[in-house]
Amino acid sequence: MSAIGVIATLRVQPGKEGEFEGVFAELAAAVNTNEAGNSYYRLFQTGETGVYKVLECYDDQAALDAHRASDHFRSIGARLGPCLAGAPEIETLSAA
């Protein structure tokens, strides 16, 4: 089993930061409650206004696939879309 890390960079429209953070908190709570294969899922602010990074860690590819296919990711995640200023940038990492 090889852990998989994900770094997602999200750019939020000006003035939508509070809404974004609120919806993300719901998503993070759902991930932490429902995804046994996820060991870390947390939002961080960068030094640039409106730019956030999500750090994620999954046990394996199956756990990452389950996250992306989950009802909570699809439903709550869809509510993040109107807050974003563009498509997320996703970086996938393999544990050494």
Protein backbone atom coordinates (compact mmCIF):
# COMPACT_ATOMS: atom_id res chain seq x y z
CA MET A 1 0.00 0.00 0.00
CA SER A 2 1.39 3.36 -1.01
CA ALA A 3 -0.08 6.58 0.38
CA ILE A 4 -1.09 9.31 -2.04
CA GLY A 5 -0.84 13.00 -1.29
CA VAL A 6 -2.83 15.69 -3.05
CA ILE A 7 -2.27 19.43 -3.04
CA ALA A 8 -5.17 21.35 -4.55
CA THR A 9 -4.73 25.07 -5.23
CA LEU A 10 -8.02 26.95 -5.25
CA ARG A 11 -8.43 30.57 -6.32
CA VAL A 12 -11.50 32.25 -4.85
CA GLN A 13 -13.34 35.23 -6.31
CA PRO A 14 -12.88 38.49 -4.36
CA GLY A 15 -15.50 38.83 -1.64
CA LYS A 16 -16.41 35.13 -1.67
CA GLU A 17 -13.74 33.97 0.79
CA GLY A 18 -16.11 33.67 3.77
CA GLU A 19 -18.69 31.69 1.80
CA PHE A 20 -15.95 29.44 0.40
CA GLU A 21 -14.47 28.76 3.84
CA GLY A 22 -17.91 27.92 5.26
CA VAL A 23 -18.75 25.45 2.52
CA PHE A 24 -15.27 23.92 2.69
CA ALA A 25 -15.69 23.37 6.45
CA GLU A 26 -18.82 21.30 5.68
CA LEU A 27 -16.93 19.29 3.08
CA ALA A 28 -13.97 18.66 5.40
CA ALA A 29 -16.31 17.46 8.17
CA ALA A 30 -17.99 15.05 5.73
CA VAL A 31 -14.63 13.72 4.50
CA ASN A 32 -13.36 13.22 8.06
CA THR A 33 -16.58 11.43 9.09
CA ASN A 34 -17.15 9.25 6.03
CA GLU A 35 -13.78 8.41 4.48
CA ALA A 36 -11.74 5.85 6.40
CA GLY A 37 -9.09 5.89 3.65
CA ASN A 38 -8.40 9.61 4.12
CA SER A 39 -5.99 10.48 6.91
CA TYR A 40 -5.65 14.24 6.30
CA TYR A 41 -7.88 16.83 4.64
CA ARG A 42 -7.30 20.46 5.59
CA LEU A 43 -7.61 23.92 4.09
CA PHE A 44 -4.78 26.45 4.31
CA GLN A 45 -4.56 30.09 3.27
CA THR A 46 -1.54 31.18 1.26
CA GLY A 47 0.09 34.59 1.48
CA GLU A 48 -1.83 35.62 -1.64
CA THR A 49 -5.35 37.00 -1.12
CA GLY A 50 -8.03 34.55 -2.25
CA VAL A 51 -5.61 31.67 -2.85
CA TYR A 52 -6.02 28.51 -0.76
CA LYS A 53 -4.33 25.11 -0.68
CA VAL A 54 -6.01 21.89 0.37
CA LEU A 55 -3.60 19.27 1.70
CA GLU A 56 -4.94 15.73 1.46
CA CYS A 57 -3.58 12.26 2.22
CA TYR A 58 -5.15 8.96 1.15
CA ASP A 59 -4.17 5.39 2.00
CA ASP A 60 -4.11 4.36 -1.67
CA GLN A 61 -5.60 5.04 -5.11
CA ALA A 62 -8.85 3.29 -4.17
CA ALA A 63 -9.33 5.72 -1.26
CA LEU A 64 -8.69 8.71 -3.53
CA ASP A 65 -11.13 7.33 -6.12
CA ALA A 66 -13.73 6.79 -3.37
CA HIS A 67 -13.29 10.42 -2.27
CA ARG A 68 -13.85 11.76 -5.78
CA ALA A 69 -16.92 9.53 -6.27
CA SER A 70 -18.51 10.23 -2.88
CA ASP A 71 -21.91 11.88 -2.62
CA HIS A 72 -20.59 14.52 -0.21
CA PHE A 73 -17.72 15.48 -2.54
CA ARG A 74 -20.11 15.81 -5.47
CA SER A 75 -22.88 17.66 -3.63
CA ILE A 76 -20.93 19.88 -1.23
CA GLY A 77 -18.01 20.27 -3.64
CA ALA A 78 -20.39 21.54 -6.32
CA ARG A 79 -21.33 24.40 -3.96
CA LEU A 80 -17.70 25.55 -3.99
CA GLY A 81 -17.79 26.12 -7.75
CA PRO A 82 -19.57 29.50 -7.70
CA CYS A 83 -16.94 30.81 -5.27
CA LEU A 84 -13.97 29.87 -7.45
CA ALA A 85 -12.18 32.12 -9.91
CA GLY A 86 -11.07 29.21 -12.11
CA ALA A 87 -10.47 25.49 -12.18
CA PRO A 88 -8.57 23.99 -9.23
CA GLU A 89 -4.91 23.10 -9.83
CA ILE A 90 -4.34 19.54 -8.60
CA GLU A 91 -0.92 18.08 -7.79
CA THR A 92 -0.77 14.37 -6.95
CA LEU A 93 2.16 12.98 -4.96
CA SER A 94 3.37 9.47 -4.15
CA ALA A 95 4.72 8.65 -0.70
CA ALA A 96 8.43 7.85 -0.69
